[in-house]
Amino acid sequence: MRAGQDELIRGGTARRGGRRALAAVVLAATMALASACTGGGDDGSSSWQGGGDGGEKAPKAAATISEPAADAKDVPASTAVTFTTTEAQETSVEVKDSTGKAVEGEMAADGKSWLPAGALDYGQTYTATVTATGDDGKAATATSTFTTMAKPSKQIRVSSFLGDNQVVGVGMPLIVKFGRAIPEDYRDDMQRRMTVTAKPAQEGIWHWVSPTEVRYRPKTFWKANSTVSYKVQAGGLPLGDGWYGRSDLSVDVKIGPAFVMTVDNKTKRMTVTKDGKAVKTILVSLGKKSTPSSSGTMVVIEKLRHTVFDTMEELGPEEGYRTEIDYAQRLTWGGEFIHAAPWSEGVQGRSNVSHGCVNVSMKDGNWLFANTRIGDPITVKGTERKLQNGNGWTDWNMSWDEYVKGSALPYEPPAAPGDDTSPSAETPSPQPTA
């Protein structure tokens, strides 16, 4: 078929506005399929390659490629091979370019489509071959030769907040950003091309924070010292209004120890645990009544060994201040930090005097700064103000049920324990508070 700028191939499933969306979840390149209840089904697109004389029986199995259709032009570079088989015990897919070089790829979970490992080259001709083998041992094949579209002029950049081999805390969400808003109708298409693999396996899901940002978190904090890989196959993918994904993206990160901080306003103390064991209790001073700290679960967003908090422009000369700060760790975009506050050491553990931050001593601030990582979680309890979702990486401030609602695809729990999890504009930094 010919795919226009607002069309996308998706295994024969119609969608609003005449578009079709590609359905593919990356799993295994070759998989066994249960025998179908129907026989035959050969419409001329499959053929028996077994040879022999005219009296030999045809294969019991049959295969048909539905998309890309034979001789199709202007096919999106993100296309999958969608097919049907009957009476097949085994099915395999092979895609080759015009030189005969095989394209790497994997079968979808449902065994009805095959997705290349990366975007195909623009303006090139490919041949897809689906081979179905029945219980008689005879193979039937279907082929489709098609040509991909020319490189589009309107492309959307995809970026990851995290880089390869970065070590992060157990509360770190995976953050993917797009250079242009993704229309709601296309977010499911994009999400189908986003996969996450955690070792050991952990259940999780993507959550659209905005039209330009999607995040992933597991159901509970990441398991300490695990590894996480995520892939975004956006290259050549139609994303609405004639725009296409610019390129694919893959990132491998590591999760550090489970370093978790809990602050109780009632006791004015922070309890620190590492891998489930309490390792330190720290006296704190939180926000005073006029500028209370936020209660909720946050994570460390950035770390600044030395900085200056300047609120003169925001609050004016009467209430504003300009103060040098050590061991600052940002928790919210609104300006709440954990930081050393030598001026409040005399009241830490007894009363709240800050402008919303978690004040600790210089010694404890130094210790925390040396032991935390970006993504380490902190929960503050019992203050007069609740944390506003979106004010920082507040993914853990939502229940699992709330978080699932942000997915563009229906949530499907893992089939069995032990399976790897998968579907895998800059935020301003306002003035700090002290």
Protein backbone atom coordinates (compact mmCIF):
# COMPACT_ATOMS: atom_id res chain seq x y z
CA MET A 1 0.00 0.00 0.00
CA ARG A 2 1.06 3.62 -0.38
CA ALA A 3 1.50 5.37 2.94
CA GLY A 4 0.95 9.10 2.89
CA GLN A 5 2.42 11.55 5.38
CA ASP A 6 -0.38 10.87 7.85
CA GLU A 7 -0.57 7.11 7.27
CA LEU A 8 1.21 4.35 9.13
CA ILE A 9 1.12 0.63 8.54
CA ARG A 10 -0.38 -1.34 11.42
CA GLY A 11 -1.30 -4.91 10.62
CA GLY A 12 -4.70 -4.10 9.13
CA THR A 13 -6.10 -2.21 12.11
CA ALA A 14 -8.02 0.91 11.08
CA ARG A 15 -7.65 4.07 13.13
CA ARG A 16 -9.19 7.51 13.34
CA GLY A 17 -8.63 9.81 10.34
CA GLY A 18 -7.77 6.97 7.97
CA ARG A 19 -4.36 6.38 9.53
CA ARG A 20 -3.04 2.91 10.25
CA ALA A 21 -0.59 2.34 13.06
CA LEU A 22 2.27 -0.07 13.23
CA ALA A 23 1.99 -2.69 15.97
CA ALA A 24 5.18 -4.42 16.99
CA VAL A 25 6.71 -5.38 20.33
CA VAL A 26 10.28 -6.57 20.13
CA LEU A 27 10.78 -10.17 21.29
CA ALA A 28 12.15 -13.18 19.34
CA ALA A 29 13.31 -13.39 15.73
CA THR A 30 11.84 -16.82 15.12
CA MET A 31 9.05 -18.40 17.10
CA ALA A 32 6.84 -21.49 17.00
CA LEU A 33 3.16 -20.83 16.39
CA ALA A 34 0.24 -23.04 17.37
CA SER A 35 -1.62 -24.70 14.49
CA ALA A 36 -4.52 -22.61 13.20
CA CYS A 37 -8.05 -23.99 13.15
CA THR A 38 -8.46 -23.20 9.46
CA GLY A 39 -6.71 -24.73 6.49
CA GLY A 40 -5.53 -23.35 3.20
CA GLY A 41 -5.89 -19.61 3.06
CA ASP A 42 -3.47 -19.27 0.11
CA ASP A 43 -4.49 -16.21 -1.91
CA GLY A 44 -1.59 -16.37 -4.34
CA SER A 45 0.91 -14.39 -2.23
CA SER A 46 2.44 -17.55 -0.79
CA SER A 47 4.17 -20.25 -2.75
CA TRP A 48 5.61 -23.68 -2.12
CA GLN A 49 9.34 -23.78 -2.72
CA GLY A 50 9.77 -27.53 -2.11
CA GLY A 51 10.07 -28.57 -5.77
CA GLY A 52 9.18 -32.11 -6.86
CA ASP A 53 6.80 -33.39 -9.54
CA GLY A 54 3.26 -32.27 -10.04
CA GLY A 55 1.86 -35.21 -8.07
CA GLU A 56 3.48 -34.21 -4.80
CA LYS A 57 1.15 -32.77 -2.19
CA ALA A 58 1.33 -29.04 -1.49
CA PRO A 59 2.43 -27.91 1.97
CA LYS A 60 -0.25 -27.89 4.65
CA ALA A 61 0.99 -24.50 5.87
CA ALA A 62 0.44 -21.22 4.05
CA ALA A 63 1.72 -17.67 4.52
CA THR A 64 0.53 -14.26 3.32
CA ILE A 65 2.23 -10.87 3.74
CA SER A 66 -0.31 -8.11 4.20
CA GLU A 67 2.06 -5.16 4.70
CA PRO A 68 4.14 -3.84 3.12
CA ALA A 69 2.19 -4.90 0.07
CA ALA A 70 4.09 -6.24 -2.93
CA ASP A 71 5.58 -3.42 -5.05
CA ALA A 72 4.53 -0.79 -2.46
CA LYS A 73 6.25 2.59 -2.77
CA ASP A 74 6.88 5.37 -0.21
CA VAL A 75 6.80 2.88 2.67
CA PRO A 76 7.80 4.46 6.05
CA ALA A 77 11.35 3.53 7.05
CA SER A 78 9.92 2.33 10.37
CA THR A 79 7.72 -0.29 8.74
CA ALA A 80 7.23 -3.76 10.14
CA VAL A 81 6.43 -6.86 8.12
CA THR A 82 2.85 -7.91 8.95
CA PHE A 83 1.67 -11.36 7.89
CA THR A 84 -0.74 -14.23 8.50
CA THR A 85 -0.12 -17.97 8.47
CA THR A 86 -2.29 -21.09 8.59
CA GLU A 87 -1.41 -24.62 9.74
CA ALA A 88 2.07 -23.38 10.69
CA GLN A 89 4.21 -25.05 13.33
CA GLU A 90 7.14 -22.71 12.75
CA THR A 91 7.32 -19.28 11.15
CA SER A 92 10.39 -17.22 10.26
CA VAL A 93 10.88 -13.85 8.60
CA GLU A 94 13.80 -12.61 6.53
CA VAL A 95 14.25 -9.14 5.07
CA LYS A 96 17.06 -8.34 2.62
CA ASP A 97 18.13 -5.12 0.93
CA SER A 98 18.73 -4.78 -2.80
CA THR A 99 22.27 -6.17 -2.42
CA GLY A 100 21.05 -9.29 -0.65
CA LYS A 101 22.27 -8.21 2.80
CA ALA A 102 20.00 -9.43 5.59
CA VAL A 103 18.35 -6.88 7.89
CA GLU A 104 18.45 -7.61 11.63
CA GLY A 105 15.11 -7.74 13.41
CA GLU A 106 12.84 -9.64 15.76
CA MET A 107 9.40 -11.20 15.82
CA ALA A 108 6.57 -9.52 17.72
CA ALA A 109 5.11 -11.19 20.80
CA ASP A 110 1.93 -12.20 18.98
CA GLY A 111 3.85 -13.80 16.10
CA LYS A 112 1.98 -11.74 13.51
CA SER A 113 4.62 -9.15 12.64
CA TRP A 114 8.37 -8.65 12.47
CA LEU A 115 10.18 -5.42 13.34
CA PRO A 116 13.61 -4.38 12.03
CA ALA A 117 16.19 -3.68 14.73
CA GLY A 118 16.48 -0.14 13.37
CA ALA A 119 14.96 2.16 10.79
CA LEU A 120 15.40 1.02 7.19
CA ASP A 121 17.37 3.21 4.78
CA TYR A 122 15.36 5.84 2.93
CA GLY A 123 14.67 5.38 -0.79
CA GLN A 124 15.81 1.76 -0.86
CA THR A 125 14.24 -1.47 -2.08
CA TYR A 126 13.80 -4.45 0.25
CA THR A 127 12.39 -7.94 -0.07
CA ALA A 128 10.58 -9.60 2.82
CA THR A 129 10.14 -13.37 2.91
CA VAL A 130 7.90 -15.17 5.38
CA THR A 131 8.40 -18.94 5.66
CA ALA A 132 5.76 -21.13 7.32
CA THR A 133 6.40 -24.81 8.02
CA GLY A 134 3.59 -27.22 8.90
CA ASP A 135 3.60 -30.53 10.74
CA ASP A 136 4.24 -32.24 7.39
CA GLY A 137 7.70 -30.66 7.36
CA LYS A 138 7.03 -28.75 4.15
CA ALA A 139 7.68 -25.02 3.93
CA ALA A 140 5.50 -22.44 2.21
CA THR A 141 6.79 -18.93 1.57
CA ALA A 142 5.36 -15.49 0.85
CA THR A 143 7.43 -12.58 -0.48
CA SER A 144 6.93 -8.86 -0.86
CA THR A 145 9.33 -6.43 -2.50
CA PHE A 146 8.81 -2.79 -1.52
CA THR A 147 10.56 0.59 -1.61
CA THR A 148 10.91 2.95 1.33
CA MET A 149 10.03 6.63 1.15
CA ALA A 150 12.54 9.40 0.49
CA LYS A 151 14.06 11.04 3.55
CA PRO A 152 11.42 13.40 4.98
CA SER A 153 12.20 17.08 5.47
CA LYS A 154 10.21 17.33 8.73
CA GLN A 155 11.93 15.28 11.44
CA ILE A 156 11.52 15.25 15.23
CA ARG A 157 14.56 14.94 17.47
CA VAL A 158 14.41 12.37 20.28
CA SER A 159 16.69 12.67 23.33
CA SER A 160 17.35 10.93 26.64
CA PHE A 161 18.10 12.69 29.91
CA LEU A 162 20.40 9.83 30.92
CA GLY A 163 23.53 8.71 29.10
CA ASP A 164 25.17 5.33 28.67
CA ASN A 165 26.74 3.74 31.75
CA GLN A 166 25.40 6.41 34.11
CA VAL A 167 24.82 5.16 37.68
CA VAL A 168 21.60 6.46 39.21
CA GLY A 169 19.43 6.02 42.28
CA VAL A 170 16.62 3.50 42.72
CA GLY A 171 14.00 6.22 42.20
CA MET A 172 15.34 7.48 38.86
CA PRO A 173 12.68 7.63 36.12
CA LEU A 174 13.76 7.03 32.53
CA ILE A 175 13.13 10.32 30.72
CA VAL A 176 12.67 10.64 26.94
CA LYS A 177 12.01 14.01 25.31
CA PHE A 178 10.80 14.98 21.83
CA GLY A 179 11.71 18.14 19.95
CA ARG A 180 8.07 18.66 19.00
CA ALA A 181 4.73 17.81 20.58
CA ILE A 182 3.51 14.32 19.70
CA PRO A 183 -0.23 14.37 18.89
CA GLU A 184 -2.27 12.19 21.23
CA ASP A 185 -3.35 9.95 18.33
CA TYR A 186 0.28 9.02 17.67
CA ARG A 187 1.56 8.42 21.20
CA ASP A 188 0.47 4.78 21.18
CA ASP A 189 2.44 4.28 17.95
CA MET A 190 5.52 5.77 19.59
CA GLN A 191 5.06 3.84 22.83
CA ARG A 192 4.90 0.52 20.95
CA ARG A 193 8.43 1.29 19.74
CA MET A 194 9.78 1.98 23.26
CA THR A 195 11.17 -1.03 25.10
CA VAL A 196 12.77 -1.44 28.52
CA THR A 197 14.77 -4.42 29.72
CA ALA A 198 15.81 -4.67 33.37
CA LYS A 199 18.08 -7.31 34.88
CA PRO A 200 16.80 -8.66 37.19
CA ALA A 201 13.35 -8.23 35.64
CA GLN A 202 11.01 -5.57 37.04
CA GLU A 203 7.47 -4.59 36.15
CA GLY A 204 7.01 -1.03 34.86
CA ILE A 205 5.30 1.26 32.36
CA TRP A 206 5.70 4.49 30.34
CA HIS A 207 3.81 7.59 31.45
CA TRP A 208 3.28 10.67 29.24
CA VAL A 209 4.08 13.72 31.36
CA SER A 210 3.37 16.09 28.47
CA PRO A 211 3.14 15.99 24.65
CA THR A 212 6.95 16.37 24.53
CA GLU A 213 8.03 14.13 27.43
CA VAL A 214 7.43 10.52 28.44
CA ARG A 215 8.89 8.74 31.48
CA TYR A 216 9.19 5.17 32.67
CA ARG A 217 9.25 3.86 36.22
CA PRO A 218 8.92 0.38 37.69
CA LYS A 219 6.01 -0.53 39.97
CA THR A 220 8.30 -0.26 42.99
CA PHE A 221 11.75 1.29 43.26
CA TRP A 222 14.38 -0.19 40.96
CA LYS A 223 16.16 -3.16 42.47
CA ALA A 224 19.52 -2.12 43.87
CA ASN A 225 22.55 -2.71 41.64
CA SER A 226 20.46 -3.81 38.65
CA THR A 227 21.03 -2.87 35.02
CA VAL A 228 18.47 -1.18 32.77
CA SER A 229 18.48 -0.83 28.98
CA TYR A 230 15.91 1.13 27.01
CA LYS A 231 15.39 1.65 23.31
CA VAL A 232 13.28 4.16 21.37
CA GLN A 233 12.77 3.17 17.72
CA ALA A 234 11.59 6.53 16.44
CA GLY A 235 13.58 6.63 13.20
CA GLY A 236 11.25 7.05 10.23
CA LEU A 237 8.13 6.67 12.37
CA PRO A 238 5.19 8.89 11.30
CA LEU A 239 4.33 11.17 14.22
CA GLY A 240 1.56 13.32 12.78
CA ASP A 241 1.18 16.36 10.51
CA GLY A 242 3.84 15.09 8.11
CA TRP A 243 6.50 14.79 10.82
CA TYR A 244 8.68 11.71 11.35
CA GLY A 245 11.08 10.55 14.02
CA ARG A 246 14.64 11.54 13.20
CA SER A 247 16.52 8.55 14.59
CA ASP A 248 16.53 5.63 17.00
CA LEU A 249 17.87 5.91 20.54
CA SER A 250 19.26 3.34 22.95
CA VAL A 251 20.67 3.81 26.46
CA ASP A 252 22.20 1.47 29.05
CA VAL A 253 22.29 2.60 32.68
CA LYS A 254 23.12 1.10 36.05
CA ILE A 255 21.17 1.34 39.29
CA GLY A 256 23.20 1.98 42.44
CA PRO A 257 22.51 0.91 46.03
CA ALA A 258 19.06 1.54 47.52
CA PHE A 259 19.91 4.85 49.26
CA VAL A 260 16.59 6.10 50.65
CA MET A 261 15.93 9.19 52.79
CA THR A 262 12.83 9.74 54.94
CA VAL A 263 12.13 13.01 56.78
CA ASP A 264 9.52 13.27 59.54
CA ASN A 265 8.40 16.79 60.39
CA LYS A 266 7.13 15.61 63.77
CA THR A 267 10.57 14.49 64.95
CA LYS A 268 12.60 16.90 62.76
CA ARG A 269 14.83 14.00 61.76
CA MET A 270 15.93 12.32 58.56
CA THR A 271 16.38 8.56 58.56
CA VAL A 272 18.76 7.21 55.91
CA THR A 273 18.71 3.56 54.85
CA LYS A 274 21.05 1.78 52.48
CA ASP A 275 19.87 -1.49 50.95
CA GLY A 276 17.17 -1.66 53.61
CA LYS A 277 19.45 -1.10 56.62
CA ALA A 278 19.34 2.14 58.67
CA VAL A 279 22.76 3.80 58.44
CA LYS A 280 22.27 7.34 59.76
CA THR A 281 19.86 9.70 61.55
CA ILE A 282 20.21 13.39 60.70
CA LEU A 283 18.71 16.41 62.47
CA VAL A 284 16.83 18.74 60.10
CA SER A 285 15.03 22.04 59.98
CA LEU A 286 12.21 22.28 57.43
CA GLY A 287 10.22 25.19 56.05
CA LYS A 288 8.63 27.60 58.51
CA LYS A 289 4.85 28.03 58.52
CA SER A 290 4.88 30.84 55.95
CA THR A 291 7.07 28.80 53.56
CA PRO A 292 6.48 25.13 54.42
CA SER A 293 8.36 22.23 52.86
CA SER A 294 6.40 19.93 50.56
CA SER A 295 5.22 16.56 51.87
CA GLY A 296 5.57 13.78 49.33
CA THR A 297 8.11 11.57 47.58
CA MET A 298 10.75 13.34 45.51
CA VAL A 299 14.12 12.35 44.03
CA VAL A 300 17.45 14.13 43.77
CA ILE A 301 17.40 16.03 40.46
CA GLU A 302 20.81 17.70 40.52
CA LYS A 303 23.76 18.16 42.87
CA LEU A 304 25.65 21.41 43.37
CA ARG A 305 28.75 21.37 45.58
CA HIS A 306 28.65 25.14 45.91
CA THR A 307 26.05 27.58 44.60
CA VAL A 308 24.27 30.83 45.37
CA PHE A 309 20.57 31.04 46.17
CA ASP A 310 19.35 34.35 44.79
CA THR A 311 15.67 35.23 45.22
CA MET A 312 16.01 39.02 45.06
CA GLU A 313 14.31 39.27 41.66
CA GLU A 314 11.58 36.80 42.61
CA LEU A 315 10.75 38.05 46.12
CA GLY A 316 11.95 41.64 46.00
CA PRO A 317 14.40 43.48 48.28
CA GLU A 318 12.31 43.12 51.45
CA GLU A 319 11.91 39.33 51.48
CA GLY A 320 14.49 38.23 48.93
CA TYR A 321 17.98 37.04 49.79
CA ARG A 322 21.28 36.14 48.19
CA THR A 323 23.09 33.38 50.10
CA GLU A 324 26.04 31.11 49.36
CA ILE A 325 25.08 27.45 49.78
CA ASP A 326 27.13 24.24 50.11
CA TYR A 327 26.13 20.64 49.37
CA ALA A 328 22.89 21.56 47.60
CA GLN A 329 20.69 18.79 46.14
CA ARG A 330 17.64 19.89 44.17
CA LEU A 331 14.29 18.17 44.88
CA THR A 332 11.73 20.38 43.08
CA TRP A 333 11.63 22.84 40.19
CA GLY A 334 10.09 25.27 42.67
CA GLY A 335 13.38 25.55 44.53
CA GLU A 336 13.33 23.00 47.38
CA PHE A 337 16.72 21.47 48.14
CA ILE A 338 18.53 19.42 50.73
CA HIS A 339 21.51 21.57 51.70
CA ALA A 340 23.92 22.48 54.46
CA ALA A 341 22.70 25.42 56.56
CA PRO A 342 25.25 26.32 59.26
CA TRP A 343 23.09 29.28 60.35
CA SER A 344 20.30 26.93 61.49
CA GLU A 345 22.39 24.24 63.17
CA GLY A 346 21.30 25.47 66.60
CA VAL A 347 17.62 24.69 65.90
CA GLN A 348 17.94 21.65 63.64
CA GLY A 349 16.00 18.80 65.21
CA ARG A 350 13.83 21.27 67.18
CA SER A 351 12.10 23.82 64.93
CA ASN A 352 11.53 24.82 61.30
CA VAL A 353 13.13 28.04 60.06
CA SER A 354 13.88 27.46 56.36
CA HIS A 355 12.17 28.83 53.26
CA GLY A 356 11.06 25.32 52.27
CA CYS A 357 14.35 23.45 52.01
CA VAL A 358 15.60 20.56 54.13
CA ASN A 359 18.35 22.18 56.23
CA VAL A 360 21.10 19.97 57.64
CA SER A 361 24.45 20.67 59.30
CA MET A 362 27.65 21.20 57.32
CA LYS A 363 28.95 17.81 58.47
CA ASP A 364 25.76 15.96 57.53
CA GLY A 365 25.41 17.92 54.30
CA ASN A 366 28.91 16.81 53.32
CA TRP A 367 28.12 13.18 54.20
CA LEU A 368 24.85 13.18 52.23
CA PHE A 369 26.45 14.84 49.21
CA ALA A 370 29.19 12.20 49.16
CA ASN A 371 26.73 9.29 49.31
CA THR A 372 23.74 10.29 47.16
CA ARG A 373 23.19 9.93 43.43
CA ILE A 374 20.82 11.56 40.98
CA GLY A 375 17.55 9.66 41.35
CA ASP A 376 17.89 8.77 45.04
CA PRO A 377 14.44 9.13 46.65
CA ILE A 378 13.44 11.25 49.63
CA THR A 379 10.04 11.25 51.31
CA VAL A 380 9.00 14.18 53.50
CA LYS A 381 6.09 13.60 55.90
CA GLY A 382 3.79 15.75 58.00
CA THR A 383 4.22 19.29 56.66
CA GLU A 384 1.50 21.83 55.93
CA ARG A 385 1.86 21.60 52.15
CA LYS A 386 1.45 18.63 49.80
CA LEU A 387 3.88 18.12 46.95
CA GLN A 388 2.39 19.18 43.63
CA ASN A 389 2.81 16.57 40.90
CA GLY A 390 4.99 17.97 38.15
CA ASN A 391 7.04 20.05 40.58
CA GLY A 392 10.15 17.97 39.99
CA TRP A 393 10.40 14.30 39.08
CA THR A 394 7.31 13.40 41.06
CA ASP A 395 6.73 10.02 39.43
CA TRP A 396 6.86 8.32 42.86
CA ASN A 397 4.39 10.78 44.35
CA MET A 398 1.67 9.01 42.34
CA SER A 399 0.21 5.62 43.13
CA TRP A 400 0.82 2.84 40.62
CA ASP A 401 -2.82 3.03 39.48
CA GLU A 402 -2.46 6.77 38.87
CA TYR A 403 0.79 6.30 37.00
CA VAL A 404 -0.66 3.65 34.70
CA LYS A 405 -3.30 6.14 33.55
CA GLY A 406 -0.55 8.15 31.86
CA SER A 407 0.24 5.33 29.43
CA ALA A 408 -0.92 5.63 25.82
CA LEU A 409 -1.38 1.84 25.75
CA PRO A 410 -3.51 -0.40 27.98
CA TYR A 411 -1.51 -1.78 30.88
CA GLU A 412 -0.73 -5.48 30.68
CA PRO A 413 0.94 -7.09 33.73
CA PRO A 414 3.85 -9.43 32.99
CA ALA A 415 2.77 -12.87 31.85
CA ALA A 416 4.84 -14.56 34.55
CA PRO A 417 7.39 -13.61 37.22
CA GLY A 418 10.88 -13.37 35.80
CA ASP A 419 9.95 -11.81 32.44
CA ASP A 420 11.86 -8.66 31.51
CA THR A 421 9.74 -5.50 31.58
CA SER A 422 9.02 -3.77 28.32
CA PRO A 423 6.22 -1.86 26.54
CA SER A 424 10.50 1.01 27.36
CA ALA A 425 11.03 21.21 25.84
CA GLU A 426 13.58 21.60 28.64
CA THR A 427 12.12 22.13 32.08
CA PRO A 428 12.98 25.58 33.47
CA SER A 429 14.95 25.83 36.70
CA PRO A 430 13.34 28.52 38.89
CA GLN A 431 14.89 30.34 41.80
CA PRO A 432 15.87 28.20 44.80
CA THR A 433 14.54 28.52 48.33
CA ALA A 434 16.62 28.10 51.45
